[in-house]
Structures are given as structure tokens and as C-alpha cells.
PDB file of N, CA and C in Angstrom:
ATOM      1  N   UNK A   1      15.930   0.201  14.318  1.00  0.00           N
ATOM      2  CA  UNK A   1      14.800   1.046  14.639  1.00  0.00           C
ATOM      3  C   UNK A   1      13.669   0.163  15.161  1.00  0.00           C
ATOM      4  N   UNK A   2      13.031   0.586  16.235  1.00  0.00           N
ATOM      5  CA  UNK A   2      11.978  -0.190  16.874  1.00  0.00           C
ATOM      6  C   UNK A   2      10.819  -0.483  15.930  1.00  0.00           C
ATOM      7  N   UNK A   3      10.396   0.513  15.146  1.00  0.00           N
ATOM      8  CA  UNK A   3       9.283   0.314  14.214  1.00  0.00           C
ATOM      9  C   UNK A   3       9.584  -0.809  13.235  1.00  0.00           C
ATOM     10  N   UNK A   4      10.798  -0.852  12.709  1.00  0.00           N
ATOM     11  CA  UNK A   4      11.161  -1.925  11.773  1.00  0.00           C
ATOM     12  C   UNK A   4      11.095  -3.285  12.444  1.00  0.00           C
ATOM     13  N   UNK A   5      11.536  -3.365  13.677  1.00  0.00           N
ATOM     14  CA  UNK A   5      11.491  -4.638  14.403  1.00  0.00           C
ATOM     15  C   UNK A   5      10.048  -5.071  14.651  1.00  0.00           C
ATOM     16  N   UNK A   6       9.202  -4.133  15.039  1.00  0.00           N
ATOM     17  CA  UNK A   6       7.802  -4.460  15.320  1.00  0.00           C
ATOM     18  C   UNK A   6       7.103  -4.963  14.067  1.00  0.00           C
ATOM     19  N   UNK A   7       7.378  -4.342  12.920  1.00  0.00           N
ATOM     20  CA  UNK A   7       6.652  -4.684  11.704  1.00  0.00           C
ATOM     21  C   UNK A   7       7.458  -5.545  10.734  1.00  0.00           C
ATOM     22  N   UNK A   8       8.486  -6.208  11.224  1.00  0.00           N
ATOM     23  CA  UNK A   8       9.309  -7.040  10.346  1.00  0.00           C
ATOM     24  C   UNK A   8       8.583  -8.301   9.889  1.00  0.00           C
ATOM     25  N   UNK A   9       7.551  -8.704  10.608  1.00  0.00           N
ATOM     26  CA  UNK A   9       6.780  -9.898  10.244  1.00  0.00           C
ATOM     27  C   UNK A   9       5.342  -9.481   9.977  1.00  0.00           C
ATOM     28  N   UNK A  10       4.888  -9.626   8.744  1.00  0.00           N
ATOM     29  CA  UNK A  10       3.540  -9.252   8.345  1.00  0.00           C
ATOM     30  C   UNK A  10       2.570 -10.367   8.728  1.00  0.00           C
ATOM     31  N   UNK A  11       1.780 -10.162   9.768  1.00  0.00           N
ATOM     32  CA  UNK A  11       0.888 -11.199  10.273  1.00  0.00           C
ATOM     33  C   UNK A  11      -0.252 -11.549   9.320  1.00  0.00           C
ATOM     34  N   UNK A  12      -0.599 -10.650   8.423  1.00  0.00           N
ATOM     35  CA  UNK A  12      -1.695 -10.961   7.504  1.00  0.00           C
ATOM     36  C   UNK A  12      -1.226 -11.234   6.074  1.00  0.00           C
ATOM     37  N   UNK A  13       0.072 -11.371   5.891  1.00  0.00           N
ATOM     38  CA  UNK A  13       0.577 -11.719   4.559  1.00  0.00           C
ATOM     39  C   UNK A  13      -0.041 -13.052   4.140  1.00  0.00           C
ATOM     40  N   UNK A  14      -0.600 -13.084   2.951  1.00  0.00           N
ATOM     41  CA  UNK A  14      -1.232 -14.292   2.453  1.00  0.00           C
ATOM     42  C   UNK A  14      -2.705 -14.409   2.827  1.00  0.00           C
ATOM     43  N   UNK A  15      -3.218 -13.475   3.634  1.00  0.00           N
ATOM     44  CA  UNK A  15      -4.634 -13.520   4.005  1.00  0.00           C
ATOM     45  C   UNK A  15      -5.510 -13.252   2.782  1.00  0.00           C
ATOM     46  N   UNK A  16      -6.720 -13.719   2.830  1.00  0.00           N
ATOM     47  CA  UNK A  16      -7.701 -13.415   1.782  1.00  0.00           C
ATOM     48  C   UNK A  16      -8.311 -12.061   2.123  1.00  0.00           C
ATOM     49  N   UNK A  17      -8.310 -11.159   1.145  1.00  0.00           N
ATOM     50  CA  UNK A  17      -8.840  -9.816   1.350  1.00  0.00           C
ATOM     51  C   UNK A  17     -10.163  -9.688   0.596  1.00  0.00           C
ATOM     52  N   UNK A  18     -11.185  -9.255   1.311  1.00  0.00           N
ATOM     53  CA  UNK A  18     -12.496  -9.036   0.697  1.00  0.00           C
ATOM     54  C   UNK A  18     -12.879  -7.576   0.857  1.00  0.00           C
ATOM     55  N   UNK A  19     -13.185  -6.946  -0.254  1.00  0.00           N
ATOM     56  CA  UNK A  19     -13.695  -5.575  -0.251  1.00  0.00           C
ATOM     57  C   UNK A  19     -14.396  -5.372  -1.581  1.00  0.00           C
ATOM     58  N   UNK A  20     -15.706  -5.295  -1.564  1.00  0.00           N
ATOM     59  CA  UNK A  20     -16.474  -5.270  -2.809  1.00  0.00           C
ATOM     60  C   UNK A  20     -16.211  -4.028  -3.655  1.00  0.00           C
ATOM     61  N   UNK A  21     -15.820  -2.924  -3.052  1.00  0.00           N
ATOM     62  CA  UNK A  21     -15.590  -1.710  -3.827  1.00  0.00           C
ATOM     63  C   UNK A  21     -14.136  -1.249  -3.794  1.00  0.00           C
ATOM     64  N   UNK A  22     -13.212  -2.188  -3.515  1.00  0.00           N
ATOM     65  CA  UNK A  22     -11.802  -1.846  -3.465  1.00  0.00           C
ATOM     66  C   UNK A  22     -11.087  -2.107  -4.778  1.00  0.00           C
ATOM     67  N   UNK A  23     -10.053  -1.341  -5.030  1.00  0.00           N
ATOM     68  CA  UNK A  23      -9.190  -1.524  -6.203  1.00  0.00           C
ATOM     69  C   UNK A  23      -7.823  -1.973  -5.690  1.00  0.00           C
ATOM     70  N   UNK A  24      -7.299  -3.049  -6.255  1.00  0.00           N
ATOM     71  CA  UNK A  24      -6.002  -3.623  -5.872  1.00  0.00           C
ATOM     72  C   UNK A  24      -6.002  -4.105  -4.418  1.00  0.00           C
ATOM     73  N   UNK A  25      -7.007  -4.887  -4.044  1.00  0.00           N
ATOM     74  CA  UNK A  25      -7.129  -5.374  -2.661  1.00  0.00           C
ATOM     75  C   UNK A  25      -5.886  -6.129  -2.195  1.00  0.00           C
ATOM     76  N   UNK A  26      -5.239  -6.862  -3.084  1.00  0.00           N
ATOM     77  CA  UNK A  26      -4.073  -7.665  -2.702  1.00  0.00           C
ATOM     78  C   UNK A  26      -2.934  -6.817  -2.129  1.00  0.00           C
ATOM     79  N   UNK A  27      -2.871  -5.562  -2.501  1.00  0.00           N
ATOM     80  CA  UNK A  27      -1.814  -4.672  -2.013  1.00  0.00           C
ATOM     81  C   UNK A  27      -1.891  -4.512  -0.494  1.00  0.00           C
ATOM     82  N   UNK A  28      -3.053  -4.666   0.067  1.00  0.00           N
ATOM     83  CA  UNK A  28      -3.223  -4.477   1.510  1.00  0.00           C
ATOM     84  C   UNK A  28      -2.452  -5.486   2.350  1.00  0.00           C
ATOM     85  N   UNK A  29      -2.095  -6.631   1.782  1.00  0.00           N
ATOM     86  CA  UNK A  29      -1.396  -7.647   2.562  1.00  0.00           C
ATOM     87  C   UNK A  29      -0.042  -8.071   2.004  1.00  0.00           C
ATOM     88  N   UNK A  30       0.207  -7.874   0.720  1.00  0.00           N
ATOM     89  CA  UNK A  30       1.374  -8.517   0.116  1.00  0.00           C
ATOM     90  C   UNK A  30       2.277  -7.659  -0.746  1.00  0.00           C
ATOM     91  N   UNK A  31       1.956  -6.436  -1.028  1.00  0.00           N
ATOM     92  CA  UNK A  31       2.646  -5.729  -2.100  1.00  0.00           C
ATOM     93  C   UNK A  31       3.376  -4.477  -1.624  1.00  0.00           C
ATOM     94  N   UNK A  32       4.695  -4.501  -1.569  1.00  0.00           N
ATOM     95  CA  UNK A  32       5.453  -3.312  -1.188  1.00  0.00           C
ATOM     96  C   UNK A  32       5.860  -2.465  -2.399  1.00  0.00           C
ATOM     97  N   UNK A  33       5.091  -2.507  -3.474  1.00  0.00           N
ATOM     98  CA  UNK A  33       5.500  -1.911  -4.750  1.00  0.00           C
ATOM     99  C   UNK A  33       5.409  -0.392  -4.793  1.00  0.00           C
ATOM    100  N   UNK A  34       4.824   0.206  -3.771  1.00  0.00           N
ATOM    101  CA  UNK A  34       4.656   1.654  -3.813  1.00  0.00           C
ATOM    102  C   UNK A  34       3.315   2.064  -4.389  1.00  0.00           C
ATOM    103  N   UNK A  35       2.525   1.095  -4.841  1.00  0.00           N
ATOM    104  CA  UNK A  35       1.163   1.400  -5.290  1.00  0.00           C
ATOM    105  C   UNK A  35       0.271   1.461  -4.060  1.00  0.00           C
ATOM    106  N   UNK A  36      -0.947   1.936  -4.244  1.00  0.00           N
ATOM    107  CA  UNK A  36      -1.825   2.057  -3.096  1.00  0.00           C
ATOM    108  C   UNK A  36      -3.198   1.503  -3.405  1.00  0.00           C
ATOM    109  N   UNK A  37      -3.915   1.169  -2.333  1.00  0.00           N
ATOM    110  CA  UNK A  37      -5.289   0.689  -2.413  1.00  0.00           C
ATOM    111  C   UNK A  37      -6.201   1.889  -2.381  1.00  0.00           C
ATOM    112  N   UNK A  38      -7.337   1.783  -3.055  1.00  0.00           N
ATOM    113  CA  UNK A  38      -8.346   2.826  -2.991  1.00  0.00           C
ATOM    114  C   UNK A  38      -9.707   2.216  -3.294  1.00  0.00           C
ATOM    115  N   UNK A  39     -10.740   3.025  -3.214  1.00  0.00           N
ATOM    116  CA  UNK A  39     -12.078   2.559  -3.562  1.00  0.00           C
ATOM    117  C   UNK A  39     -12.382   2.899  -5.019  1.00  0.00           C
ATOM    118  N   UNK A  40     -13.403   2.260  -5.536  1.00  0.00           N
ATOM    119  CA  UNK A  40     -13.826   2.500  -6.914  1.00  0.00           C
ATOM    120  C   UNK A  40     -14.545   3.847  -7.025  1.00  0.00           C
ATOM    121  N   UNK A  41     -14.367   4.462  -8.170  1.00  0.00           N
ATOM    122  CA  UNK A  41     -15.079   5.696  -8.547  1.00  0.00           C
ATOM    123  C   UNK A  41     -15.166   6.690  -7.399  1.00  0.00           C
ATOM    124  N   UNK A  42     -16.387   7.100  -7.074  1.00  0.00           N
ATOM    125  CA  UNK A  42     -16.579   8.128  -6.046  1.00  0.00           C
ATOM    126  C   UNK A  42     -17.007   7.551  -4.703  1.00  0.00           C
ATOM    127  N   UNK A  43     -16.784   6.263  -4.480  1.00  0.00           N
ATOM    128  CA  UNK A  43     -17.152   5.659  -3.198  1.00  0.00           C
ATOM    129  C   UNK A  43     -16.384   6.338  -2.069  1.00  0.00           C
ATOM    130  N   UNK A  44     -17.070   6.584  -0.984  1.00  0.00           N
ATOM    131  CA  UNK A  44     -16.428   7.239   0.148  1.00  0.00           C
ATOM    132  C   UNK A  44     -16.358   6.347   1.389  1.00  0.00           C
ATOM    133  N   UNK A  45     -16.889   5.145   1.298  1.00  0.00           N
ATOM    134  CA  UNK A  45     -16.798   4.208   2.415  1.00  0.00           C
ATOM    135  C   UNK A  45     -16.367   2.843   1.894  1.00  0.00           C
ATOM    136  N   UNK A  46     -15.794   2.056   2.782  1.00  0.00           N
ATOM    137  CA  UNK A  46     -15.393   0.704   2.408  1.00  0.00           C
ATOM    138  C   UNK A  46     -15.355  -0.161   3.657  1.00  0.00           C
ATOM    139  N   UNK A  47     -15.669  -1.426   3.474  1.00  0.00           N
ATOM    140  CA  UNK A  47     -15.494  -2.429   4.529  1.00  0.00           C
ATOM    141  C   UNK A  47     -14.498  -3.443   3.985  1.00  0.00           C
ATOM    142  N   UNK A  48     -13.388  -3.594   4.670  1.00  0.00           N
ATOM    143  CA  UNK A  48     -12.323  -4.502   4.237  1.00  0.00           C
ATOM    144  C   UNK A  48     -12.248  -5.633   5.247  1.00  0.00           C
ATOM    145  N   UNK A  49     -12.284  -6.868   4.747  1.00  0.00           N
ATOM    146  CA  UNK A  49     -12.222  -8.026   5.639  1.00  0.00           C
ATOM    147  C   UNK A  49     -11.018  -8.886   5.272  1.00  0.00           C
ATOM    148  N   UNK A  50     -10.249  -9.265   6.278  1.00  0.00           N
ATOM    149  CA  UNK A  50      -9.089 -10.131   6.096  1.00  0.00           C
ATOM    150  C   UNK A  50      -9.424 -11.493   6.703  1.00  0.00           C
ATOM    151  N   UNK A  51      -9.253 -12.552   5.925  1.00  0.00           N
ATOM    152  CA  UNK A  51      -9.484 -13.906   6.414  1.00  0.00           C
ATOM    153  C   UNK A  51      -8.153 -14.638   6.433  1.00  0.00           C
ATOM    154  N   UNK A  52      -7.754 -15.100   7.628  1.00  0.00           N
ATOM    155  CA  UNK A  52      -6.492 -15.814   7.784  1.00  0.00           C
ATOM    156  C   UNK A  52      -6.782 -17.295   8.044  1.00  0.00           C
ATOM    157  N   UNK A  53      -5.777 -18.126   7.793  1.00  0.00           N
ATOM    158  CA  UNK A  53      -5.956 -19.556   8.007  1.00  0.00           C
ATOM    159  C   UNK A  53      -6.120 -19.885   9.483  1.00  0.00           C
ATOM    160  N   UNK A  54      -5.469 -19.114  10.336  1.00  0.00           N
ATOM    161  CA  UNK A  54      -5.542 -19.330  11.774  1.00  0.00           C
ATOM    162  C   UNK A  54      -5.770 -17.987  12.459  1.00  0.00           C
ATOM    163  N   UNK A  55      -6.344 -18.007  13.664  1.00  0.00           N
ATOM    164  CA  UNK A  55      -6.484 -16.743  14.401  1.00  0.00           C
ATOM    165  C   UNK A  55      -5.101 -16.120  14.631  1.00  0.00           C
ATOM    166  N   UNK A  56      -5.050 -14.813  14.636  1.00  0.00           N
ATOM    167  CA  UNK A  56      -3.798 -14.114  14.915  1.00  0.00           C
ATOM    168  C   UNK A  56      -4.015 -13.154  16.082  1.00  0.00           C
ATOM    169  N   UNK A  57      -2.952 -12.864  16.791  1.00  0.00           N
ATOM    170  CA  UNK A  57      -3.013 -11.928  17.908  1.00  0.00           C
ATOM    171  C   UNK A  57      -1.996 -10.823  17.647  1.00  0.00           C
ATOM    172  N   UNK A  58      -2.390  -9.589  17.902  1.00  0.00           N
ATOM    173  CA  UNK A  58      -1.486  -8.455  17.733  1.00  0.00           C
ATOM    174  C   UNK A  58      -1.905  -7.344  18.672  1.00  0.00           C
ATOM    175  N   UNK A  59      -0.962  -6.459  19.010  1.00  0.00           N
ATOM    176  CA  UNK A  59      -1.278  -5.385  19.954  1.00  0.00           C
ATOM    177  C   UNK A  59      -0.997  -3.990  19.402  1.00  0.00           C
ATOM    178  N   UNK A  60      -0.666  -3.930  18.118  1.00  0.00           N
ATOM    179  CA  UNK A  60      -0.477  -2.628  17.475  1.00  0.00           C
ATOM    180  C   UNK A  60      -0.884  -2.766  16.008  1.00  0.00           C
ATOM    181  N   UNK A  61      -1.480  -1.727  15.479  1.00  0.00           N
ATOM    182  CA  UNK A  61      -1.921  -1.705  14.088  1.00  0.00           C
ATOM    183  C   UNK A  61      -1.265  -0.520  13.398  1.00  0.00           C
ATOM    184  N   UNK A  62      -0.689  -0.759  12.218  1.00  0.00           N
ATOM    185  CA  UNK A  62      -0.105   0.334  11.448  1.00  0.00           C
ATOM    186  C   UNK A  62      -1.027   0.636  10.273  1.00  0.00           C
ATOM    187  N   UNK A  63      -1.466   1.877  10.188  1.00  0.00           N
ATOM    188  CA  UNK A  63      -2.284   2.343   9.074  1.00  0.00           C
ATOM    189  C   UNK A  63      -1.518   3.436   8.356  1.00  0.00           C
ATOM    190  N   UNK A  64      -1.611   3.424   7.023  1.00  0.00           N
ATOM    191  CA  UNK A  64      -0.921   4.429   6.223  1.00  0.00           C
ATOM    192  C   UNK A  64      -1.895   5.012   5.211  1.00  0.00           C
ATOM    193  N   UNK A  65      -1.698   6.244   4.889  1.00  0.00           N
ATOM    194  CA  UNK A  65      -2.508   6.909   3.881  1.00  0.00           C
ATOM    195  C   UNK A  65      -1.577   7.550   2.859  1.00  0.00           C
ATOM    196  N   UNK A  66      -1.937   7.442   1.583  1.00  0.00           N
ATOM    197  CA  UNK A  66      -1.139   8.051   0.526  1.00  0.00           C
ATOM    198  C   UNK A  66      -1.465   9.542   0.478  1.00  0.00           C
ATOM    199  N   UNK A  67      -0.697  10.311   1.214  1.00  0.00           N
ATOM    200  CA  UNK A  67      -0.961  11.743   1.348  1.00  0.00           C
ATOM    201  C   UNK A  67      -0.828  12.481   0.016  1.00  0.00           C
ATOM    202  N   UNK A  68      -0.082  11.918  -0.939  1.00  0.00           N
ATOM    203  CA  UNK A  68       0.036  12.582  -2.247  1.00  0.00           C
ATOM    204  C   UNK A  68      -1.326  12.666  -2.947  1.00  0.00           C
ATOM    205  N   UNK A  69      -2.276  11.856  -2.518  1.00  0.00           N
ATOM    206  CA  UNK A  69      -3.626  11.892  -3.075  1.00  0.00           C
ATOM    207  C   UNK A  69      -4.564  12.754  -2.228  1.00  0.00           C
ATOM    208  N   UNK A  70      -4.027  13.402  -1.229  1.00  0.00           N
ATOM    209  CA  UNK A  70      -4.817  14.217  -0.320  1.00  0.00           C
ATOM    210  C   UNK A  70      -5.250  13.392   0.877  1.00  0.00           C
ATOM    211  N   UNK A  71      -5.609  14.057   1.949  1.00  0.00           N
ATOM    212  CA  UNK A  71      -6.077  13.339   3.134  1.00  0.00           C
ATOM    213  C   UNK A  71      -7.511  12.907   2.886  1.00  0.00           C
ATOM    214  N   UNK A  72      -7.727  11.595   2.852  1.00  0.00           N
ATOM    215  CA  UNK A  72      -9.031  11.061   2.476  1.00  0.00           C
ATOM    216  C   UNK A  72      -9.716  10.281   3.592  1.00  0.00           C
ATOM    217  N   UNK A  73      -8.965   9.797   4.569  1.00  0.00           N
ATOM    218  CA  UNK A  73      -9.570   9.019   5.646  1.00  0.00           C
ATOM    219  C   UNK A  73     -10.117   9.977   6.688  1.00  0.00           C
ATOM    220  N   UNK A  74     -11.434   9.931   6.882  1.00  0.00           N
ATOM    221  CA  UNK A  74     -12.071  10.793   7.869  1.00  0.00           C
ATOM    222  C   UNK A  74     -12.330  10.058   9.172  1.00  0.00           C
ATOM    223  N   UNK A  75     -12.565   8.760   9.077  1.00  0.00           N
ATOM    224  CA  UNK A  75     -12.724   7.957  10.281  1.00  0.00           C
ATOM    225  C   UNK A  75     -12.557   6.493   9.901  1.00  0.00           C
ATOM    226  N   UNK A  76     -12.246   5.675  10.905  1.00  0.00           N
ATOM    227  CA  UNK A  76     -12.077   4.249  10.662  1.00  0.00           C
ATOM    228  C   UNK A  76     -12.462   3.482  11.911  1.00  0.00           C
ATOM    229  N   UNK A  77     -12.720   2.186  11.710  1.00  0.00           N
ATOM    230  CA  UNK A  77     -13.070   1.301  12.819  1.00  0.00           C
ATOM    231  C   UNK A  77     -12.469  -0.066  12.541  1.00  0.00           C
ATOM    232  N   UNK A  78     -11.768  -0.606  13.507  1.00  0.00           N
ATOM    233  CA  UNK A  78     -11.196  -1.943  13.417  1.00  0.00           C
ATOM    234  C   UNK A  78     -12.036  -2.859  14.292  1.00  0.00           C
ATOM    235  N   UNK A  79     -12.482  -3.976  13.707  1.00  0.00           N
ATOM    236  CA  UNK A  79     -13.319  -4.919  14.434  1.00  0.00           C
ATOM    237  C   UNK A  79     -12.778  -6.335  14.286  1.00  0.00           C
ATOM    238  N   UNK A  80     -13.186  -7.202  15.168  1.00  0.00           N
ATOM    239  CA  UNK A  80     -12.908  -8.626  15.044  1.00  0.00           C
ATOM    240  C   UNK A  80     -14.212  -9.384  15.259  1.00  0.00           C
ATOM    241  N   UNK A  81     -14.224 -10.619  14.781  1.00  0.00           N
ATOM    242  CA  UNK A  81     -15.422 -11.426  14.913  1.00  0.00           C
ATOM    243  C   UNK A  81     -15.239 -12.427  16.047  1.00  0.00           C
ATOM    244  N   UNK A  82     -16.177 -12.434  16.971  1.00  0.00           N
ATOM    245  CA  UNK A  82     -16.143 -13.329  18.120  1.00  0.00           C
ATOM    246  C   UNK A  82     -17.482 -14.057  18.211  1.00  0.00           C
ATOM    247  N   UNK A  83     -17.450 -15.350  17.933  1.00  0.00           N
ATOM    248  CA  UNK A  83     -18.661 -16.182  17.986  1.00  0.00           C
ATOM    249  C   UNK A  83     -19.780 -15.593  17.137  1.00  0.00           C
ATOM    250  N   UNK A  84     -19.419 -15.112  15.954  1.00  0.00           N
ATOM    251  CA  UNK A  84     -20.404 -14.593  15.009  1.00  0.00           C
ATOM    252  C   UNK A  84     -20.772 -13.132  15.195  1.00  0.00           C
ATOM    253  N   UNK A  85     -20.287 -12.500  16.257  1.00  0.00           N
ATOM    254  CA  UNK A  85     -20.612 -11.086  16.507  1.00  0.00           C
ATOM    255  C   UNK A  85     -19.377 -10.230  16.268  1.00  0.00           C
ATOM    256  N   UNK A  86     -19.562  -9.072  15.606  1.00  0.00           N
ATOM    257  CA  UNK A  86     -18.462  -8.142  15.368  1.00  0.00           C
ATOM    258  C   UNK A  86     -18.304  -7.243  16.578  1.00  0.00           C
ATOM    259  N   UNK A  87     -17.043  -7.112  17.046  1.00  0.00           N
ATOM    260  CA  UNK A  87     -16.739  -6.284  18.210  1.00  0.00           C
ATOM    261  C   UNK A  87     -15.638  -5.292  17.853  1.00  0.00           C
ATOM    262  N   UNK A  88     -15.773  -4.070  18.348  1.00  0.00           N
ATOM    263  CA  UNK A  88     -14.786  -3.020  18.079  1.00  0.00           C
ATOM    264  C   UNK A  88     -13.508  -3.247  18.878  1.00  0.00           C
ATOM    265  N   UNK A  89     -12.374  -3.008  18.221  1.00  0.00           N
ATOM    266  CA  UNK A  89     -11.078  -2.980  18.889  1.00  0.00           C
ATOM    267  C   UNK A  89     -10.593  -1.536  18.970  1.00  0.00           C
ATOM    268  N   UNK A  90     -10.750  -0.802  17.863  1.00  0.00           N
ATOM    269  CA  UNK A  90     -10.204   0.550  17.778  1.00  0.00           C
ATOM    270  C   UNK A  90     -11.078   1.368  16.839  1.00  0.00           C
ATOM    271  N   UNK A  91     -11.284   2.612  17.184  1.00  0.00           N
ATOM    272  CA  UNK A  91     -11.945   3.591  16.323  1.00  0.00           C
ATOM    273  C   UNK A  91     -11.042   4.812  16.269  1.00  0.00           C
ATOM    274  N   UNK A  92     -11.124   5.532  15.190  1.00  0.00           N
ATOM    275  CA  UNK A  92     -10.291   6.718  15.117  1.00  0.00           C
ATOM    276  C   UNK A  92     -10.744   7.684  14.048  1.00  0.00           C
ATOM    277  N   UNK A  93     -10.132   8.836  14.069  1.00  0.00           N
ATOM    278  CA  UNK A  93     -10.339   9.876  13.063  1.00  0.00           C
ATOM    279  C   UNK A  93      -9.017  10.069  12.350  1.00  0.00           C
ATOM    280  N   UNK A  94      -8.980  10.834  11.366  1.00  0.00           N
ATOM    281  CA  UNK A  94      -7.802  11.122  10.538  1.00  0.00           C
ATOM    282  C   UNK A  94      -6.518  10.419  10.981  1.00  0.00           C
ATOM    283  N   UNK A  95      -5.709  10.071  10.006  1.00  0.00           N
ATOM    284  CA  UNK A  95      -4.442   9.385  10.266  1.00  0.00           C
ATOM    285  C   UNK A  95      -3.273  10.332  10.146  1.00  0.00           C
ATOM    286  N   UNK A  96      -2.241  10.019  10.873  1.00  0.00           N
ATOM    287  CA  UNK A  96      -0.937  10.639  10.691  1.00  0.00           C
ATOM    288  C   UNK A  96      -0.166   9.660   9.805  1.00  0.00           C
ATOM    289  N   UNK A  97       0.760  10.120   8.984  1.00  0.00           N
ATOM    290  CA  UNK A  97       1.513   9.218   8.111  1.00  0.00           C
ATOM    291  C   UNK A  97       2.113   8.092   8.941  1.00  0.00           C
ATOM    292  N   UNK A  98       1.924   6.854   8.473  1.00  0.00           N
ATOM    293  CA  UNK A  98       2.430   5.654   9.166  1.00  0.00           C
ATOM    294  C   UNK A  98       1.978   5.611  10.627  1.00  0.00           C
ATOM    295  N   UNK A  99       0.727   5.848  10.866  1.00  0.00           N
ATOM    296  CA  UNK A  99       0.175   5.841  12.210  1.00  0.00           C
ATOM    297  C   UNK A  99       0.240   4.454  12.821  1.00  0.00           C
ATOM    298  N   UNK A 100       0.767   4.345  14.030  1.00  0.00           N
ATOM    299  CA  UNK A 100       0.821   3.086  14.776  1.00  0.00           C
ATOM    300  C   UNK A 100      -0.131   3.217  15.956  1.00  0.00           C
ATOM    301  N   UNK A 101      -1.118   2.384  15.981  1.00  0.00           N
ATOM    302  CA  UNK A 101      -2.148   2.478  17.014  1.00  0.00           C
ATOM    303  C   UNK A 101      -2.029   1.319  17.995  1.00  0.00           C
ATOM    304  N   UNK A 102      -1.774   1.603  19.271  1.00  0.00           N
ATOM    305  CA  UNK A 102      -1.756   0.530  20.258  1.00  0.00           C
ATOM    306  C   UNK A 102      -3.197   0.041  20.460  1.00  0.00           C
ATOM    307  N   UNK A 103      -3.326  -1.248  20.647  1.00  0.00           N
ATOM    308  CA  UNK A 103      -4.638  -1.837  20.828  1.00  0.00           C
ATOM    309  C   UNK A 103      -4.821  -2.298  22.261  1.00  0.00           C
ATOM    310  N   UNK A 104      -6.044  -2.227  22.745  1.00  0.00           N
ATOM    311  CA  UNK A 104      -6.337  -2.693  24.096  1.00  0.00           C
ATOM    312  C   UNK A 104      -6.276  -4.223  24.104  1.00  0.00           C
ATOM    313  N   UNK A 105      -5.765  -4.795  25.201  1.00  0.00           N
ATOM    314  CA  UNK A 105      -5.709  -6.269  25.278  1.00  0.00           C
ATOM    315  C   UNK A 105      -7.093  -6.880  25.339  1.00  0.00           C
TER     316      UNK A 105
END
């Protein structure tokens, strides 16, 4: 299956994950246990930052939502840092299960 081939190598595995109001941040990069990441208490927004040892390049992003908990993602924004400035790569609204988003070069 093409999806399995595309995502067979996790580019951010081992990255440092920073999110001040996240629960189980490590799951975002390393844990296929079936558990999910979420925010603390009634927080409705989060900023998640991944720090890798080296720059990485990718042209598709896979986002997943645990639908058993209800649809909770209303919007999202993917950014990268370039010379100290944050720049948008992708913005979106609601996710489809296992959404794969092509990114602009």
C-alpha cells in the first residue's frame, strides 16, 4: 500500500517535543501503543514544537484525530522556523481520519 511505503520511516522519531499544556507529548513521535495525545483539562489550543538534531525535509504530513473522543480539531497551522522567523507551510480546518496533506515545495 502506498500510504505504508510513504510513512514507513518516521522522520521525527526521537525528536524533542515541547508543548506546555500537552499530556503524553512523547506519543507524538515515538509511541504506536494506541494511546493518544491531548491537552490538559479544558484547554482548547496548543502549540507543539518538534526539535530535531538536523533539519528534515518532507512533502506530506499525516495528521490523525482520535474520533472516539469526538471531533475536536477545529483548525490547525503547520509552521517552520527560518532564520528566527516562523513561516506557514499549511493551514487547515477539521481533519479526516488519517488525513495526508501534501505540502507546497
